[in-house]
C-alpha atoms as a PDB file:
ATOM      1  CA  UNK A   1      80.401  -7.079  95.421  1.00  0.00           C
ATOM      2  CA  UNK A   2      81.877  -6.236  91.875  1.00  0.00           C
ATOM      3  CA  UNK A   3      78.823  -3.604  91.463  1.00  0.00           C
ATOM      4  CA  UNK A   4      79.663  -1.969  94.742  1.00  0.00           C
ATOM      5  CA  UNK A   5      83.492  -1.746  94.192  1.00  0.00           C
ATOM      6  CA  UNK A   6      82.504  -0.179  90.436  1.00  0.00           C
ATOM      7  CA  UNK A   7      80.254   2.509  92.243  1.00  0.00           C
ATOM      8  CA  UNK A   8      83.068   3.244  95.208  1.00  0.00           C
ATOM      9  CA  UNK A   9      85.749   3.748  92.344  1.00  0.00           C
ATOM     10  CA  UNK A  10      82.976   6.022  90.401  1.00  0.00           C
ATOM     11  CA  UNK A  11      82.439   8.209  93.619  1.00  0.00           C
ATOM     12  CA  UNK A  12      85.969   8.510  94.669  1.00  0.00           C
ATOM     13  CA  UNK A  13      86.899   9.472  91.248  1.00  0.00           C
ATOM     14  CA  UNK A  14      84.063  12.080  91.068  1.00  0.00           C
ATOM     15  CA  UNK A  15      85.208  13.704  94.659  1.00  0.00           C
ATOM     16  CA  UNK A  16      88.976  14.030  93.723  1.00  0.00           C
ATOM     17  CA  UNK A  17      87.961  15.346  90.362  1.00  0.00           C
ATOM     18  CA  UNK A  18      85.869  18.087  92.133  1.00  0.00           C
ATOM     19  CA  UNK A  19      89.025  18.628  94.707  1.00  0.00           C
ATOM     20  CA  UNK A  20      91.485  19.159  91.921  1.00  0.00           C
ATOM     21  CA  UNK A  21      89.171  21.474  89.701  1.00  0.00           C
ATOM     22  CA  UNK A  22      87.895  23.588  92.507  1.00  0.00           C
ATOM     23  CA  UNK A  23      91.067  23.881  94.606  1.00  0.00           C
ATOM     24  CA  UNK A  24      92.556  26.166  91.004  1.00  0.00           C
ATOM     25  CA  UNK A  25      90.074  28.844  92.051  1.00  0.00           C
ATOM     26  CA  UNK A  26      90.286  31.393  94.650  1.00  0.00           C
ATOM     27  CA  UNK A  27      86.637  32.348  94.482  1.00  0.00           C
ATOM     28  CA  UNK A  28      83.483  31.057  93.482  1.00  0.00           C
ATOM     29  CA  UNK A  29      80.595  33.667  92.767  1.00  0.00           C
ATOM     30  CA  UNK A  30      76.717  32.923  93.444  1.00  0.00           C
ATOM     31  CA  UNK A  31      74.303  34.856  91.434  1.00  0.00           C
ATOM     32  CA  UNK A  32      71.319  36.816  93.554  1.00  0.00           C
ATOM     33  CA  UNK A  33      68.953  35.355  90.758  1.00  0.00           C
ATOM     34  CA  UNK A  34      69.333  32.209  89.073  1.00  0.00           C
ATOM     35  CA  UNK A  35      67.973  31.681  85.482  1.00  0.00           C
ATOM     36  CA  UNK A  36      64.630  30.821  85.051  1.00  0.00           C
ATOM     37  CA  UNK A  37      63.819  32.352  88.331  1.00  0.00           C
ATOM     38  CA  UNK A  38      61.322  35.303  88.476  1.00  0.00           C
ATOM     39  CA  UNK A  39      62.658  37.318  91.589  1.00  0.00           C
ATOM     40  CA  UNK A  40      65.929  37.418  93.531  1.00  0.00           C
ATOM     41  CA  UNK A  41      66.707  34.727  95.765  1.00  0.00           C
ATOM     42  CA  UNK A  42      63.439  33.359  94.845  1.00  0.00           C
ATOM     43  CA  UNK A  43      62.751  29.991  97.293  1.00  0.00           C
ATOM     44  CA  UNK A  44      65.956  31.064  98.847  1.00  0.00           C
ATOM     45  CA  UNK A  45      67.885  29.365  96.430  1.00  0.00           C
ATOM     46  CA  UNK A  46      70.794  31.752  96.192  1.00  0.00           C
ATOM     47  CA  UNK A  47      71.165  31.747 100.006  1.00  0.00           C
ATOM     48  CA  UNK A  48      71.336  28.069 100.320  1.00  0.00           C
ATOM     49  CA  UNK A  49      74.077  27.771  97.500  1.00  0.00           C
ATOM     50  CA  UNK A  50      75.947  30.201  99.102  1.00  0.00           C
ATOM     51  CA  UNK A  51      75.529  28.746 102.945  1.00  0.00           C
ATOM     52  CA  UNK A  52      76.642  25.228 101.819  1.00  0.00           C
ATOM     53  CA  UNK A  53      79.578  26.678  99.703  1.00  0.00           C
ATOM     54  CA  UNK A  54      81.132  28.719 102.531  1.00  0.00           C
ATOM     55  CA  UNK A  55      80.244  25.565 104.634  1.00  0.00           C
ATOM     56  CA  UNK A  56      82.631  23.943 102.888  1.00  0.00           C
ATOM     57  CA  UNK A  57      85.490  26.933 103.743  1.00  0.00           C
ATOM     58  CA  UNK A  58      85.258  28.043  99.990  1.00  0.00           C
ATOM     59  CA  UNK A  59      85.453  31.978  99.339  1.00  0.00           C
ATOM     60  CA  UNK A  60      82.057  32.474  98.446  1.00  0.00           C
ATOM     61  CA  UNK A  61      80.692  35.794  97.077  1.00  0.00           C
ATOM     62  CA  UNK A  62      77.242  37.087  95.545  1.00  0.00           C
ATOM     63  CA  UNK A  63      77.473  38.421  91.861  1.00  0.00           C
ATOM     64  CA  UNK A  64      76.952  42.121  93.284  1.00  0.00           C
ATOM     65  CA  UNK A  65      79.647  42.538  95.878  1.00  0.00           C
ATOM     66  CA  UNK A  66      82.797  40.916  93.844  1.00  0.00           C
ATOM     67  CA  UNK A  67      85.948  41.164  95.696  1.00  0.00           C
ATOM     68  CA  UNK A  68      88.148  44.202  93.518  1.00  0.00           C
ATOM     69  CA  UNK A  69      90.670  41.611  92.513  1.00  0.00           C
ATOM     70  CA  UNK A  70      87.974  40.239  90.034  1.00  0.00           C
ATOM     71  CA  UNK A  71      88.072  43.711  88.101  1.00  0.00           C
ATOM     72  CA  UNK A  72      91.502  42.823  86.918  1.00  0.00           C
ATOM     73  CA  UNK A  73      90.752  39.176  86.486  1.00  0.00           C
ATOM     74  CA  UNK A  74      87.698  37.413  86.374  1.00  0.00           C
ATOM     75  CA  UNK A  75      89.198  34.006  85.813  1.00  0.00           C
ATOM     76  CA  UNK A  76      90.054  33.471  89.169  1.00  0.00           C
ATOM     77  CA  UNK A  77      86.747  32.459  90.085  1.00  0.00           C
ATOM     78  CA  UNK A  78      84.284  29.877  89.440  1.00  0.00           C
ATOM     79  CA  UNK A  79      80.640  31.196  88.517  1.00  0.00           C
ATOM     80  CA  UNK A  80      77.777  28.685  89.807  1.00  0.00           C
ATOM     81  CA  UNK A  81      74.407  28.253  87.887  1.00  0.00           C
ATOM     82  CA  UNK A  82      71.439  26.106  89.073  1.00  0.00           C
ATOM     83  CA  UNK A  83      70.607  23.204  86.477  1.00  0.00           C
ATOM     84  CA  UNK A  84      66.798  23.127  87.569  1.00  0.00           C
ATOM     85  CA  UNK A  85      64.963  20.135  86.193  1.00  0.00           C
ATOM     86  CA  UNK A  86      61.860  20.299  88.378  1.00  0.00           C
ATOM     87  CA  UNK A  87      58.644  19.127  87.444  1.00  0.00           C
ATOM     88  CA  UNK A  88      54.939  18.534  88.628  1.00  0.00           C
ATOM     89  CA  UNK A  89      55.935  15.766  91.082  1.00  0.00           C
ATOM     90  CA  UNK A  90      59.316  16.530  92.212  1.00  0.00           C
ATOM     91  CA  UNK A  91      62.087  19.176  92.729  1.00  0.00           C
ATOM     92  CA  UNK A  92      65.206  18.280  90.986  1.00  0.00           C
ATOM     93  CA  UNK A  93      68.286  20.238  90.883  1.00  0.00           C
ATOM     94  CA  UNK A  94      72.243  20.367  90.387  1.00  0.00           C
ATOM     95  CA  UNK A  95      74.845  22.915  90.819  1.00  0.00           C
ATOM     96  CA  UNK A  96      77.070  23.698  87.760  1.00  0.00           C
ATOM     97  CA  UNK A  97      80.207  25.547  88.147  1.00  0.00           C
ATOM     98  CA  UNK A  98      81.725  27.475  85.160  1.00  0.00           C
ATOM     99  CA  UNK A  99      84.763  29.317  84.407  1.00  0.00           C
ATOM    100  CA  UNK A 100      85.101  33.000  83.018  1.00  0.00           C
ATOM    101  CA  UNK A 101      84.836  31.609  79.680  1.00  0.00           C
ATOM    102  CA  UNK A 102      81.489  29.855  80.509  1.00  0.00           C
ATOM    103  CA  UNK A 103      82.909  26.562  79.985  1.00  0.00           C
ATOM    104  CA  UNK A 104      81.789  23.948  82.490  1.00  0.00           C
ATOM    105  CA  UNK A 105      84.143  22.671  85.359  1.00  0.00           C
ATOM    106  CA  UNK A 106      82.058  20.609  87.404  1.00  0.00           C
ATOM    107  CA  UNK A 107      78.913  19.742  88.371  1.00  0.00           C
ATOM    108  CA  UNK A 108      77.192  18.369  91.505  1.00  0.00           C
ATOM    109  CA  UNK A 109      75.069  15.261  91.468  1.00  0.00           C
ATOM    110  CA  UNK A 110      71.521  15.766  91.006  1.00  0.00           C
ATOM    111  CA  UNK A 111      69.486  16.362  94.343  1.00  0.00           C
ATOM    112  CA  UNK A 112      65.710  16.051  94.367  1.00  0.00           C
ATOM    113  CA  UNK A 113      62.829  16.036  96.717  1.00  0.00           C
ATOM    114  CA  UNK A 114      59.232  15.614  96.616  1.00  0.00           C
ATOM    115  CA  UNK A 115      58.005  18.203  99.300  1.00  0.00           C
ATOM    116  CA  UNK A 116      55.245  20.064  98.020  1.00  0.00           C
ATOM    117  CA  UNK A 117      56.411  23.398  99.767  1.00  0.00           C
ATOM    118  CA  UNK A 118      58.817  25.039  97.291  1.00  0.00           C
ATOM    119  CA  UNK A 119      61.124  26.649  99.922  1.00  0.00           C
ATOM    120  CA  UNK A 120      61.511  23.387 102.003  1.00  0.00           C
ATOM    121  CA  UNK A 121      61.643  21.305  98.515  1.00  0.00           C
ATOM    122  CA  UNK A 122      64.511  23.453  97.102  1.00  0.00           C
ATOM    123  CA  UNK A 123      66.519  23.388 100.403  1.00  0.00           C
ATOM    124  CA  UNK A 124      66.353  19.314 100.546  1.00  0.00           C
ATOM    125  CA  UNK A 125      67.486  19.185  96.845  1.00  0.00           C
ATOM    126  CA  UNK A 126      70.276  21.713  97.062  1.00  0.00           C
ATOM    127  CA  UNK A 127      71.286  20.017 100.216  1.00  0.00           C
ATOM    128  CA  UNK A 128      71.343  16.757  98.659  1.00  0.00           C
ATOM    129  CA  UNK A 129      73.296  17.755  95.625  1.00  0.00           C
ATOM    130  CA  UNK A 130      76.026  19.182  97.924  1.00  0.00           C
ATOM    131  CA  UNK A 131      76.521  15.437  98.973  1.00  0.00           C
ATOM    132  CA  UNK A 132      78.876  15.577  96.132  1.00  0.00           C
ATOM    133  CA  UNK A 133      81.056  17.752  98.262  1.00  0.00           C
ATOM    134  CA  UNK A 134      80.474  16.118 101.685  1.00  0.00           C
ATOM    135  CA  UNK A 135      84.162  15.129 102.472  1.00  0.00           C
ATOM    136  CA  UNK A 136      85.792  18.025 100.189  1.00  0.00           C
ATOM    137  CA  UNK A 137      88.677  19.725 101.791  1.00  0.00           C
ATOM    138  CA  UNK A 138      89.216  23.272  99.924  1.00  0.00           C
ATOM    139  CA  UNK A 139      92.660  24.626  99.805  1.00  0.00           C
ATOM    140  CA  UNK A 140      93.459  27.152  96.993  1.00  0.00           C
ATOM    141  CA  UNK A 141      96.221  25.807  94.913  1.00  0.00           C
ATOM    142  CA  UNK A 142      97.825  29.437  93.382  1.00  0.00           C
ATOM    143  CA  UNK A 143      99.161  28.498  89.996  1.00  0.00           C
ATOM    144  CA  UNK A 144     102.837  28.808  89.792  1.00  0.00           C
ATOM    145  CA  UNK A 145     105.282  29.359  86.982  1.00  0.00           C
ATOM    146  CA  UNK A 146     107.664  26.262  86.494  1.00  0.00           C
ATOM    147  CA  UNK A 147     109.402  27.351  83.572  1.00  0.00           C
ATOM    148  CA  UNK A 148     112.770  26.388  84.048  1.00  0.00           C
ATOM    149  CA  UNK A 149     115.445  29.078  83.862  1.00  0.00           C
ATOM    150  CA  UNK A 150     118.215  28.804  81.067  1.00  0.00           C
ATOM    151  CA  UNK A 151     121.321  30.352  81.866  1.00  0.00           C
ATOM    152  CA  UNK A 152     122.960  31.613  78.780  1.00  0.00           C
ATOM    153  CA  UNK A 153     127.071  32.413  79.002  1.00  0.00           C
ATOM    154  CA  UNK A 154     127.347  33.071  75.233  1.00  0.00           C
ATOM    155  CA  UNK A 155     128.154  36.941  75.458  1.00  0.00           C
ATOM    156  CA  UNK A 156     130.197  36.727  78.770  1.00  0.00           C
ATOM    157  CA  UNK A 157     133.375  38.287  78.533  1.00  0.00           C
ATOM    158  CA  UNK A 158     136.324  35.767  78.376  1.00  0.00           C
ATOM    159  CA  UNK A 159     139.353  37.982  79.368  1.00  0.00           C
ATOM    160  CA  UNK A 160     139.611  41.453  81.291  1.00  0.00           C
ATOM    161  CA  UNK A 161     141.156  44.263  79.094  1.00  0.00           C
ATOM    162  CA  UNK A 162     144.529  45.654  80.458  1.00  0.00           C
ATOM    163  CA  UNK A 163     143.862  48.566  82.639  1.00  0.00           C
ATOM    164  CA  UNK A 164     144.610  52.344  81.115  1.00  0.00           C
ATOM    165  CA  UNK A 165     147.752  53.804  82.044  1.00  0.00           C
ATOM    166  CA  UNK A 166     147.566  56.497  84.857  1.00  0.00           C
ATOM    167  CA  UNK A 167     147.079  59.929  83.848  1.00  0.00           C
ATOM    168  CA  UNK A 168     150.306  62.585  83.932  1.00  0.00           C
ATOM    169  CA  UNK A 169     150.471  64.429  87.207  1.00  0.00           C
ATOM    170  CA  UNK A 170     149.146  67.998  87.270  1.00  0.00           C
ATOM    171  CA  UNK A 171     150.130  70.247  90.056  1.00  0.00           C
ATOM    172  CA  UNK A 172     147.162  71.812  91.659  1.00  0.00           C
ATOM    173  CA  UNK A 173     146.464  75.504  91.145  1.00  0.00           C
ATOM    174  CA  UNK A 174     145.782  77.794  94.323  1.00  0.00           C
ATOM    175  CA  UNK A 175     142.491  77.658  95.643  1.00  0.00           C
ATOM    176  CA  UNK A 176     140.550  81.083  95.531  1.00  0.00           C
ATOM    177  CA  UNK A 177     138.457  81.565  98.656  1.00  0.00           C
ATOM    178  CA  UNK A 178     135.197  83.301  98.203  1.00  0.00           C
ATOM    179  CA  UNK A 179     132.357  84.100  99.984  1.00  0.00           C
ATOM    180  CA  UNK A 180     130.033  81.513  98.608  1.00  0.00           C
ATOM    181  CA  UNK A 181     127.812  80.976 101.968  1.00  0.00           C
ATOM    182  CA  UNK A 182     124.611  81.956 100.103  1.00  0.00           C
ATOM    183  CA  UNK A 183     124.983  79.908  97.296  1.00  0.00           C
ATOM    184  CA  UNK A 184     126.193  76.867  99.259  1.00  0.00           C
ATOM    185  CA  UNK A 185     123.330  76.771 101.713  1.00  0.00           C
ATOM    186  CA  UNK A 186     120.712  76.799  98.907  1.00  0.00           C
ATOM    187  CA  UNK A 187     122.225  73.268  97.352  1.00  0.00           C
ATOM    188  CA  UNK A 188     122.579  71.840 101.071  1.00  0.00           C
ATOM    189  CA  UNK A 189     118.978  72.840 101.807  1.00  0.00           C
ATOM    190  CA  UNK A 190     117.743  71.397  98.526  1.00  0.00           C
ATOM    191  CA  UNK A 191     119.693  68.330  99.188  1.00  0.00           C
ATOM    192  CA  UNK A 192     118.160  67.924 102.663  1.00  0.00           C
ATOM    193  CA  UNK A 193     114.466  68.603 101.073  1.00  0.00           C
ATOM    194  CA  UNK A 194     115.467  65.694  98.776  1.00  0.00           C
ATOM    195  CA  UNK A 195     116.104  63.391 101.492  1.00  0.00           C
ATOM    196  CA  UNK A 196     113.193  63.887 103.600  1.00  0.00           C
ATOM    197  CA  UNK A 197     111.727  60.650 104.417  1.00  0.00           C
ATOM    198  CA  UNK A 198     108.634  59.176 102.535  1.00  0.00           C
ATOM    199  CA  UNK A 199     105.419  59.011 104.426  1.00  0.00           C
ATOM    200  CA  UNK A 200     104.510  55.762 105.394  1.00  0.00           C
ATOM    201  CA  UNK A 201     101.750  54.105 103.791  1.00  0.00           C
ATOM    202  CA  UNK A 202      98.961  53.271 106.339  1.00  0.00           C
ATOM    203  CA  UNK A 203      96.213  50.294 105.747  1.00  0.00           C
ATOM    204  CA  UNK A 204      93.078  50.394 107.577  1.00  0.00           C
ATOM    205  CA  UNK A 205      92.820  47.761 110.135  1.00  0.00           C
ATOM    206  CA  UNK A 206      90.000  45.252 110.231  1.00  0.00           C
ATOM    207  CA  UNK A 207      88.847  44.225 113.176  1.00  0.00           C
ATOM    208  CA  UNK A 208      87.295  40.947 114.164  1.00  0.00           C
ATOM    209  CA  UNK A 209      83.948  42.549 115.117  1.00  0.00           C
ATOM    210  CA  UNK A 210      84.150  44.172 111.908  1.00  0.00           C
ATOM    211  CA  UNK A 211      84.420  40.963 109.976  1.00  0.00           C
ATOM    212  CA  UNK A 212      81.760  39.400 112.073  1.00  0.00           C
ATOM    213  CA  UNK A 213      79.342  42.180 111.402  1.00  0.00           C
ATOM    214  CA  UNK A 214      79.882  42.070 107.554  1.00  0.00           C
ATOM    215  CA  UNK A 215      79.394  38.300 107.339  1.00  0.00           C
ATOM    216  CA  UNK A 216      76.217  38.563 109.765  1.00  0.00           C
ATOM    217  CA  UNK A 217      75.116  41.468 107.165  1.00  0.00           C
ATOM    218  CA  UNK A 218      75.060  38.699 104.445  1.00  0.00           C
ATOM    219  CA  UNK A 219      74.348  35.552 105.633  1.00  0.00           C
ATOM    220  CA  UNK A 220      73.626  33.532 109.028  1.00  0.00           C
ATOM    221  CA  UNK A 221      76.646  31.981 110.738  1.00  0.00           C
ATOM    222  CA  UNK A 222      76.593  28.445 110.880  1.00  0.00           C
ATOM    223  CA  UNK A 223      77.717  27.131 114.525  1.00  0.00           C
ATOM    224  CA  UNK A 224      77.419  23.340 114.158  1.00  0.00           C
ATOM    225  CA  UNK A 225      74.907  20.961 115.692  1.00  0.00           C
ATOM    226  CA  UNK A 226      73.815  21.879 119.020  1.00  0.00           C
ATOM    227  CA  UNK A 227      71.866  19.530 121.420  1.00  0.00           C
ATOM    228  CA  UNK A 228      68.869  20.766 123.748  1.00  0.00           C
ATOM    229  CA  UNK A 229      68.925  19.613 127.357  1.00  0.00           C
ATOM    230  CA  UNK A 230      65.863  20.287 129.569  1.00  0.00           C
ATOM    231  CA  UNK A 231      66.059  22.653 132.439  1.00  0.00           C
ATOM    232  CA  UNK A 232      63.470  24.087 134.800  1.00  0.00           C
ATOM    233  CA  UNK A 233      62.766  27.249 132.876  1.00  0.00           C
ATOM    234  CA  UNK A 234      63.062  25.773 129.289  1.00  0.00           C
ATOM    235  CA  UNK A 235      66.471  23.939 127.823  1.00  0.00           C
ATOM    236  CA  UNK A 236      70.275  24.693 127.559  1.00  0.00           C
ATOM    237  CA  UNK A 237      72.140  24.236 124.126  1.00  0.00           C
ATOM    238  CA  UNK A 238      75.265  22.315 124.465  1.00  0.00           C
ATOM    239  CA  UNK A 239      78.232  21.569 121.521  1.00  0.00           C
ATOM    240  CA  UNK A 240      80.184  18.110 120.947  1.00  0.00           C
ATOM    241  CA  UNK A 241      82.711  19.599 123.270  1.00  0.00           C
ATOM    242  CA  UNK A 242      80.241  19.496 125.372  1.00  0.00           C
ATOM    243  CA  UNK A 243      80.166  23.255 126.390  1.00  0.00           C
ATOM    244  CA  UNK A 244      77.055  25.389 127.239  1.00  0.00           C
ATOM    245  CA  UNK A 245      76.163  27.623 124.256  1.00  0.00           C
ATOM    246  CA  UNK A 246      72.732  28.885 124.619  1.00  0.00           C
ATOM    247  CA  UNK A 247      70.656  29.135 127.709  1.00  0.00           C
ATOM    248  CA  UNK A 248      66.705  29.019 126.569  1.00  0.00           C
ATOM    249  CA  UNK A 249      63.402  30.207 128.309  1.00  0.00           C
ATOM    250  CA  UNK A 250      60.251  29.214 127.186  1.00  0.00           C
ATOM    251  CA  UNK A 251      57.440  31.952 126.382  1.00  0.00           C
ATOM    252  CA  UNK A 252      53.573  31.733 125.688  1.00  0.00           C
ATOM    253  CA  UNK A 253      54.482  30.922 122.280  1.00  0.00           C
ATOM    254  CA  UNK A 254      55.409  27.614 120.669  1.00  0.00           C
ATOM    255  CA  UNK A 255      58.740  27.439 119.101  1.00  0.00           C
ATOM    256  CA  UNK A 256      59.925  31.031 120.421  1.00  0.00           C
ATOM    257  CA  UNK A 257      62.437  31.006 123.321  1.00  0.00           C
ATOM    258  CA  UNK A 258      64.126  33.885 124.970  1.00  0.00           C
ATOM    259  CA  UNK A 259      68.041  33.009 124.369  1.00  0.00           C
ATOM    260  CA  UNK A 260      70.961  34.153 126.321  1.00  0.00           C
ATOM    261  CA  UNK A 261      74.846  33.441 125.149  1.00  0.00           C
ATOM    262  CA  UNK A 262      77.793  34.919 127.015  1.00  0.00           C
ATOM    263  CA  UNK A 263      76.035  38.139 127.610  1.00  0.00           C
ATOM    264  CA  UNK A 264      74.100  38.462 124.115  1.00  0.00           C
ATOM    265  CA  UNK A 265      70.037  38.377 124.476  1.00  0.00           C
ATOM    266  CA  UNK A 266      67.633  37.564 121.936  1.00  0.00           C
ATOM    267  CA  UNK A 267      65.023  35.393 120.709  1.00  0.00           C
ATOM    268  CA  UNK A 268      65.224  31.892 119.321  1.00  0.00           C
ATOM    269  CA  UNK A 269      62.344  31.150 116.667  1.00  0.00           C
ATOM    270  CA  UNK A 270      61.476  28.283 114.231  1.00  0.00           C
ATOM    271  CA  UNK A 271      61.250  29.931 110.680  1.00  0.00           C
ATOM    272  CA  UNK A 272      60.700  27.564 107.458  1.00  0.00           C
ATOM    273  CA  UNK A 273      62.050  24.559 109.540  1.00  0.00           C
ATOM    274  CA  UNK A 274      65.363  26.377 110.305  1.00  0.00           C
ATOM    275  CA  UNK A 275      65.931  27.805 113.744  1.00  0.00           C
ATOM    276  CA  UNK A 276      67.037  31.249 114.000  1.00  0.00           C
ATOM    277  CA  UNK A 277      68.993  33.331 116.846  1.00  0.00           C
ATOM    278  CA  UNK A 278      68.280  37.028 116.387  1.00  0.00           C
ATOM    279  CA  UNK A 279      69.894  39.535 118.631  1.00  0.00           C
ATOM    280  CA  UNK A 280      71.161  43.344 118.356  1.00  0.00           C
ATOM    281  CA  UNK A 281      74.572  44.130 118.152  1.00  0.00           C
ATOM    282  CA  UNK A 282      74.812  47.964 118.633  1.00  0.00           C
ATOM    283  CA  UNK A 283      72.305  49.227 116.054  1.00  0.00           C
ATOM    284  CA  UNK A 284      72.557  46.220 114.013  1.00  0.00           C
ATOM    285  CA  UNK A 285      69.935  43.209 114.135  1.00  0.00           C
ATOM    286  CA  UNK A 286      71.792  40.176 113.466  1.00  0.00           C
ATOM    287  CA  UNK A 287      70.465  36.583 112.828  1.00  0.00           C
ATOM    288  CA  UNK A 288      72.365  33.552 113.113  1.00  0.00           C
ATOM    289  CA  UNK A 289      71.238  29.762 111.766  1.00  0.00           C
ATOM    290  CA  UNK A 290      71.157  27.095 114.297  1.00  0.00           C
ATOM    291  CA  UNK A 291      71.211  23.432 113.820  1.00  0.00           C
ATOM    292  CA  UNK A 292      69.233  21.927 117.000  1.00  0.00           C
ATOM    293  CA  UNK A 293      68.531  18.458 118.072  1.00  0.00           C
ATOM    294  CA  UNK A 294      65.871  18.462 120.728  1.00  0.00           C
END
């Protein structure tokens, strides 16, 4: 019982530490190619790390598509690395978070897998490593300047000076009327030109459709776990509401279905043990990753 309590306290302490550290940063950056790998996104490591960070609600970007804000202040972000301690018998990785100075701020637990297939092994190991953030709630805690304001009245005026005496009365001279139409018109026109309203700054509106297209272009969208229910022609997929999200029709190929969802028609197929829904939105081909239980 004492050992159980110690492990629980250690876990809670690690979780709270992660919460306090990551919430201090506005972005988390994932490299397209981790160190020690020979090619970009080898074994889908970059895709999986970005997927699990985005799933936690963290503002995650690849290192080749940084937010413009980081051009002036790189310290707004944490930068991920993969601590790969794999050997001939197992795949072992931990995700390390460093600040803009390269100093380690947090690392996850070590995830491992004994699967021989590299893509599946790294997916299992990374998934287990992210168990450290399973209950993590991301909320960016913007640093505020809490320096107290000190008021100094040392040089304030203690007594108002006496008002100056009024100037002596001067009789006004007779006004000479001249034809100043031309000279008067020019400053009036100048004054009017000075008062022209400034053009309003226009900002480009970003629609929900554009945002979805941008997300789909970078990464499959995670919709949560769906549950398959048998029908006459295949299956229907429902969520936990429950609400029907997809209708599936069987094809002559195993693990390949014709999928329909609210006016969208595409293919649902199994790739590397991941269900992918592929469809066209205009001229763009989009893939969404689904988690299905049959």
